[in-house]
Amino acid sequence: GEGLWITGPLGRPFSPPAQLAPQAPGAILVGGGIGIAPLALWRRRLLDRGTPARVLLGFRDRERLGGLALFDCSEIRLASEDGHRGHHGYVTDLLAVLLAGDDAGSAAVYACGPPAMLEAVRHLCAERRVACELAMEAPMACGFGACFGCAIPLAGGGYMRLCVDGPVVP
C-alpha cells in the first residue's frame, strides 16, 4: 500500500512503422535477455494499432529464460545460446534468415538487448538497407541529462545522453 515516486517515461520512444519505413506493413521485434520487456510493451501498442509484428527472442541459457509470459502471441521464434530452447545460436541468426526470406525493404526492425546483439542487428539492417531502431540500455541516474550517467559514445565522436536523446536511436 505504500506509494512510489517515479520519473518517466524518459527520452525518445520507438517510432511507428509507417514513420520509420513507410512501405513497411508490419514490424520485426528482436529482443535479448532483459531487453525483451520494452518490446512486449511495444508489441501491445502495435497490436492496438492493427500492426502485425513478428517476435524473435534470444536467451543465453536456461537460467536466463524468462519473460515469455509478457508476450501473448503464438508467433514467437526463440534462440538460446546453449541450445536448450528454439534455435541453437543467436537471435540475430533468426533475424538474418527472416530478412533474407522477406523483401527486406518492407521490414521495420525494432531491437532491445545487450550491446553486442544490438550491434549485430544494426549491421544486418544496414547491410540490407532495412529501417531499424535500437533501444539502448544504460543506467539513468537523474533522467534529465544533467549527470551524464547514461552517456554512450557516438561513432563520430562525442556522447549521447540516453535519458534525453535516446534510449531509442535509429
C-alpha atoms as a PDB file:
ATOM      1  CA  GLY A   1       0.000   0.000   0.000  1.00  0.00           C
ATOM      2  CA  GLU A   2       2.973   2.359   0.012  1.00  0.00           C
ATOM      3  CA  GLY A   3       3.443   4.951  -2.706  1.00  0.00           C
ATOM      4  CA  LEU A   4       6.382   5.271  -5.023  1.00  0.00           C
ATOM      5  CA  TRP A   5       7.525   8.338  -6.964  1.00  0.00           C
ATOM      6  CA  ILE A   6       8.898   7.645 -10.407  1.00  0.00           C
ATOM      7  CA  THR A   7      10.038   9.782 -13.309  1.00  0.00           C
ATOM      8  CA  GLY A   8       9.158   8.534 -16.753  1.00  0.00           C
ATOM      9  CA  PRO A   9       8.864   7.693 -19.448  1.00  0.00           C
ATOM     10  CA  LEU A  10      12.209   9.204 -20.325  1.00  0.00           C
ATOM     11  CA  GLY A  11      13.648  10.103 -23.704  1.00  0.00           C
ATOM     12  CA  ARG A  12      12.607   9.100 -27.179  1.00  0.00           C
ATOM     13  CA  PRO A  13      10.253   6.126 -27.786  1.00  0.00           C
ATOM     14  CA  PHE A  14      10.020   3.775 -30.774  1.00  0.00           C
ATOM     15  CA  SER A  15       8.619   5.323 -33.965  1.00  0.00           C
ATOM     16  CA  PRO A  16       5.567   3.776 -35.646  1.00  0.00           C
ATOM     17  CA  PRO A  17       6.496   1.521 -38.605  1.00  0.00           C
ATOM     18  CA  ALA A  18       4.820   3.867 -41.109  1.00  0.00           C
ATOM     19  CA  GLN A  19       7.065   6.685 -39.881  1.00  0.00           C
ATOM     20  CA  LEU A  20      10.212   4.556 -39.763  1.00  0.00           C
ATOM     21  CA  ALA A  21       9.637   2.808 -43.111  1.00  0.00           C
ATOM     22  CA  PRO A  22       6.518   3.999 -44.985  1.00  0.00           C
ATOM     23  CA  GLN A  23       6.424   0.828 -47.082  1.00  0.00           C
ATOM     24  CA  ALA A  24       6.585  -1.485 -44.013  1.00  0.00           C
ATOM     25  CA  PRO A  25       3.325  -3.402 -43.487  1.00  0.00           C
ATOM     26  CA  GLY A  26       4.486  -4.665 -40.117  1.00  0.00           C
ATOM     27  CA  ALA A  27       7.319  -4.946 -37.657  1.00  0.00           C
ATOM     28  CA  ILE A  28      10.003  -7.382 -36.596  1.00  0.00           C
ATOM     29  CA  LEU A  29      10.854  -7.208 -32.892  1.00  0.00           C
ATOM     30  CA  VAL A  30      14.234  -8.573 -31.799  1.00  0.00           C
ATOM     31  CA  GLY A  31      14.878  -8.937 -28.078  1.00  0.00           C
ATOM     32  CA  GLY A  32      17.658 -10.354 -25.975  1.00  0.00           C
ATOM     33  CA  GLY A  33      17.716 -11.001 -22.240  1.00  0.00           C
ATOM     34  CA  ILE A  34      16.139  -8.232 -20.183  1.00  0.00           C
ATOM     35  CA  GLY A  35      15.692  -6.253 -23.407  1.00  0.00           C
ATOM     36  CA  ILE A  36      12.538  -8.230 -24.143  1.00  0.00           C
ATOM     37  CA  ALA A  37      10.440  -6.265 -21.619  1.00  0.00           C
ATOM     38  CA  PRO A  38      10.247  -2.987 -23.600  1.00  0.00           C
ATOM     39  CA  LEU A  39       9.450  -4.979 -26.731  1.00  0.00           C
ATOM     40  CA  ALA A  40       6.484  -6.648 -25.029  1.00  0.00           C
ATOM     41  CA  LEU A  41       5.019  -3.208 -24.358  1.00  0.00           C
ATOM     42  CA  TRP A  42       5.782  -2.035 -27.900  1.00  0.00           C
ATOM     43  CA  ARG A  43       4.153  -5.167 -29.354  1.00  0.00           C
ATOM     44  CA  ARG A  44       0.950  -4.468 -27.432  1.00  0.00           C
ATOM     45  CA  ARG A  45       0.882  -0.931 -28.791  1.00  0.00           C
ATOM     46  CA  LEU A  46       1.444  -2.198 -32.343  1.00  0.00           C
ATOM     47  CA  LEU A  47      -1.387  -4.719 -31.950  1.00  0.00           C
ATOM     48  CA  ASP A  48      -3.696  -1.967 -30.662  1.00  0.00           C
ATOM     49  CA  ARG A  49      -2.965  -0.087 -33.917  1.00  0.00           C
ATOM     50  CA  GLY A  50      -3.605  -3.205 -36.016  1.00  0.00           C
ATOM     51  CA  THR A  51       0.062  -3.556 -36.998  1.00  0.00           C
ATOM     52  CA  PRO A  52       1.314  -7.143 -37.317  1.00  0.00           C
ATOM     53  CA  ALA A  53       4.565  -7.945 -35.546  1.00  0.00           C
ATOM     54  CA  ARG A  54       6.872 -10.936 -35.671  1.00  0.00           C
ATOM     55  CA  VAL A  55       8.837 -11.560 -32.484  1.00  0.00           C
ATOM     56  CA  LEU A  56      12.347 -13.001 -32.208  1.00  0.00           C
ATOM     57  CA  LEU A  57      13.686 -13.541 -28.688  1.00  0.00           C
ATOM     58  CA  GLY A  58      17.102 -14.740 -27.593  1.00  0.00           C
ATOM     59  CA  PHE A  59      18.447 -16.007 -24.285  1.00  0.00           C
ATOM     60  CA  ARG A  60      21.871 -17.083 -23.102  1.00  0.00           C
ATOM     61  CA  ASP A  61      20.802 -20.195 -21.201  1.00  0.00           C
ATOM     62  CA  ARG A  62      18.008 -21.913 -19.270  1.00  0.00           C
ATOM     63  CA  GLU A  63      18.608 -19.810 -16.136  1.00  0.00           C
ATOM     64  CA  ARG A  64      18.067 -16.582 -18.073  1.00  0.00           C
ATOM     65  CA  LEU A  65      14.956 -17.734 -19.961  1.00  0.00           C
ATOM     66  CA  GLY A  66      12.172 -15.540 -18.721  1.00  0.00           C
ATOM     67  CA  GLY A  67       9.580 -13.032 -19.716  1.00  0.00           C
ATOM     68  CA  LEU A  68       7.858 -15.142 -22.358  1.00  0.00           C
ATOM     69  CA  ALA A  69       4.571 -14.683 -20.500  1.00  0.00           C
ATOM     70  CA  LEU A  70       4.792 -10.966 -21.364  1.00  0.00           C
ATOM     71  CA  PHE A  71       4.031 -11.909 -24.973  1.00  0.00           C
ATOM     72  CA  ASP A  72       0.517 -13.067 -25.687  1.00  0.00           C
ATOM     73  CA  CYS A  73       1.139 -14.461 -29.126  1.00  0.00           C
ATOM     74  CA  SER A  74       1.881 -17.676 -30.918  1.00  0.00           C
ATOM     75  CA  GLU A  75       4.382 -16.237 -33.374  1.00  0.00           C
ATOM     76  CA  ILE A  76       7.499 -16.095 -31.247  1.00  0.00           C
ATOM     77  CA  ARG A  77      10.706 -17.577 -32.530  1.00  0.00           C
ATOM     78  CA  LEU A  78      13.241 -18.392 -29.853  1.00  0.00           C
ATOM     79  CA  ALA A  79      17.006 -18.771 -29.832  1.00  0.00           C
ATOM     80  CA  SER A  80      19.219 -19.873 -26.969  1.00  0.00           C
ATOM     81  CA  GLU A  81      22.985 -19.843 -26.956  1.00  0.00           C
ATOM     82  CA  ASP A  82      23.129 -23.149 -25.060  1.00  0.00           C
ATOM     83  CA  GLY A  83      20.551 -24.791 -27.342  1.00  0.00           C
ATOM     84  CA  HIS A  84      18.042 -25.655 -24.612  1.00  0.00           C
ATOM     85  CA  ARG A  85      15.143 -23.963 -26.413  1.00  0.00           C
ATOM     86  CA  GLY A  86      14.487 -22.991 -30.011  1.00  0.00           C
ATOM     87  CA  HIS A  87      17.351 -22.269 -32.393  1.00  0.00           C
ATOM     88  CA  HIS A  88      20.792 -23.195 -31.021  1.00  0.00           C
ATOM     89  CA  GLY A  89      22.617 -19.912 -31.515  1.00  0.00           C
ATOM     90  CA  TYR A  90      21.927 -16.203 -31.508  1.00  0.00           C
ATOM     91  CA  VAL A  91      18.650 -14.394 -32.054  1.00  0.00           C
ATOM     92  CA  THR A  92      20.385 -12.465 -34.825  1.00  0.00           C
ATOM     93  CA  ASP A  93      20.716 -15.759 -36.748  1.00  0.00           C
ATOM     94  CA  LEU A  94      16.908 -15.827 -36.833  1.00  0.00           C
ATOM     95  CA  LEU A  95      16.787 -12.206 -37.974  1.00  0.00           C
ATOM     96  CA  ALA A  96      19.240 -12.893 -40.809  1.00  0.00           C
ATOM     97  CA  VAL A  97      17.048 -15.736 -42.087  1.00  0.00           C
ATOM     98  CA  LEU A  98      13.895 -13.631 -41.812  1.00  0.00           C
ATOM     99  CA  LEU A  99      15.437 -10.697 -43.679  1.00  0.00           C
ATOM    100  CA  ALA A 100      16.818 -12.997 -46.386  1.00  0.00           C
ATOM    101  CA  GLY A 101      13.414 -14.625 -46.883  1.00  0.00           C
ATOM    102  CA  ASP A 102      11.361 -11.453 -46.902  1.00  0.00           C
ATOM    103  CA  ASP A 103      11.515  -8.398 -49.069  1.00  0.00           C
ATOM    104  CA  ALA A 104      13.948  -6.671 -46.729  1.00  0.00           C
ATOM    105  CA  GLY A 105      12.834  -3.242 -47.901  1.00  0.00           C
ATOM    106  CA  SER A 106       9.356  -3.834 -46.467  1.00  0.00           C
ATOM    107  CA  ALA A 107      10.534  -4.570 -42.937  1.00  0.00           C
ATOM    108  CA  ALA A 108      10.798  -2.281 -39.921  1.00  0.00           C
ATOM    109  CA  VAL A 109      13.014  -3.749 -37.214  1.00  0.00           C
ATOM    110  CA  TYR A 110      12.947  -2.819 -33.521  1.00  0.00           C
ATOM    111  CA  ALA A 111      15.524  -4.227 -31.099  1.00  0.00           C
ATOM    112  CA  CYS A 112      16.451  -4.096 -27.447  1.00  0.00           C
ATOM    113  CA  GLY A 113      19.090  -6.171 -25.711  1.00  0.00           C
ATOM    114  CA  PRO A 114      22.789  -6.422 -24.930  1.00  0.00           C
ATOM    115  CA  PRO A 115      25.200  -4.141 -26.828  1.00  0.00           C
ATOM    116  CA  ALA A 116      26.730  -6.942 -28.938  1.00  0.00           C
ATOM    117  CA  MET A 117      23.270  -8.070 -30.061  1.00  0.00           C
ATOM    118  CA  LEU A 118      22.269  -4.502 -30.939  1.00  0.00           C
ATOM    119  CA  GLU A 119      25.443  -4.054 -32.981  1.00  0.00           C
ATOM    120  CA  ALA A 120      24.704  -7.287 -34.876  1.00  0.00           C
ATOM    121  CA  VAL A 121      21.121  -6.110 -35.562  1.00  0.00           C
ATOM    122  CA  ARG A 122      22.421  -2.727 -36.693  1.00  0.00           C
ATOM    123  CA  HIS A 123      24.908  -4.390 -39.035  1.00  0.00           C
ATOM    124  CA  LEU A 124      22.324  -6.786 -40.548  1.00  0.00           C
ATOM    125  CA  CYS A 125      19.837  -3.982 -41.125  1.00  0.00           C
ATOM    126  CA  ALA A 126      22.435  -1.588 -42.571  1.00  0.00           C
ATOM    127  CA  GLU A 127      23.728  -4.296 -44.899  1.00  0.00           C
ATOM    128  CA  ARG A 128      20.212  -4.965 -46.211  1.00  0.00           C
ATOM    129  CA  ARG A 129      19.054  -1.327 -46.045  1.00  0.00           C
ATOM    130  CA  VAL A 130      16.303  -2.149 -43.584  1.00  0.00           C
ATOM    131  CA  ALA A 131      14.964   0.605 -41.348  1.00  0.00           C
ATOM    132  CA  CYS A 132      15.582  -0.157 -37.700  1.00  0.00           C
ATOM    133  CA  GLU A 133      15.536   1.407 -34.267  1.00  0.00           C
ATOM    134  CA  LEU A 134      17.562   0.232 -31.306  1.00  0.00           C
ATOM    135  CA  ALA A 135      16.605   0.736 -27.672  1.00  0.00           C
ATOM    136  CA  MET A 136      19.904   1.235 -25.874  1.00  0.00           C
ATOM    137  CA  GLU A 137      20.390   0.269 -22.252  1.00  0.00           C
ATOM    138  CA  ALA A 138      22.214   2.320 -19.628  1.00  0.00           C
ATOM    139  CA  PRO A 139      21.602   3.236 -16.002  1.00  0.00           C
ATOM    140  CA  MET A 140      19.740   6.549 -15.859  1.00  0.00           C
ATOM    141  CA  ALA A 141      20.612   8.376 -12.674  1.00  0.00           C
ATOM    142  CA  CYS A 142      18.988  11.795 -12.985  1.00  0.00           C
ATOM    143  CA  GLY A 143      16.731  11.306 -16.010  1.00  0.00           C
ATOM    144  CA  PHE A 144      17.185  14.897 -17.182  1.00  0.00           C
ATOM    145  CA  GLY A 145      20.589  14.800 -18.916  1.00  0.00           C
ATOM    146  CA  ALA A 146      22.466  16.733 -16.245  1.00  0.00           C
ATOM    147  CA  CYS A 147      24.614  13.977 -14.720  1.00  0.00           C
ATOM    148  CA  PHE A 148      25.788  12.242 -17.930  1.00  0.00           C
ATOM    149  CA  GLY A 149      25.432   8.906 -16.111  1.00  0.00           C
ATOM    150  CA  CYS A 150      23.671   7.409 -19.147  1.00  0.00           C
ATOM    151  CA  ALA A 151      26.015   8.844 -21.787  1.00  0.00           C
ATOM    152  CA  ILE A 152      27.247   6.497 -24.501  1.00  0.00           C
ATOM    153  CA  PRO A 153      29.975   7.293 -27.045  1.00  0.00           C
ATOM    154  CA  LEU A 154      28.990   8.157 -30.609  1.00  0.00           C
ATOM    155  CA  ALA A 155      30.833   6.703 -33.609  1.00  0.00           C
ATOM    156  CA  GLY A 156      31.646  10.192 -34.925  1.00  0.00           C
ATOM    157  CA  GLY A 157      32.861  11.465 -31.557  1.00  0.00           C
ATOM    158  CA  GLY A 158      31.094  12.971 -28.590  1.00  0.00           C
ATOM    159  CA  TYR A 159      28.377  11.389 -26.481  1.00  0.00           C
ATOM    160  CA  MET A 160      24.642  10.815 -26.454  1.00  0.00           C
ATOM    161  CA  ARG A 161      22.636  11.027 -23.231  1.00  0.00           C
ATOM    162  CA  LEU A 162      20.150   8.177 -23.428  1.00  0.00           C
ATOM    163  CA  CYS A 163      17.683   9.723 -20.988  1.00  0.00           C
ATOM    164  CA  VAL A 164      17.046  12.717 -23.277  1.00  0.00           C
ATOM    165  CA  ASP A 165      18.489  11.827 -26.719  1.00  0.00           C
ATOM    166  CA  GLY A 166      17.552   8.121 -26.589  1.00  0.00           C
ATOM    167  CA  PRO A 167      17.067   5.486 -25.396  1.00  0.00           C
ATOM    168  CA  VAL A 168      15.682   4.628 -28.842  1.00  0.00           C
ATOM    169  CA  VAL A 169      18.041   5.565 -31.650  1.00  0.00           C
ATOM    170  CA  PRO A 170      17.857   4.999 -35.423  1.00  0.00           C
END
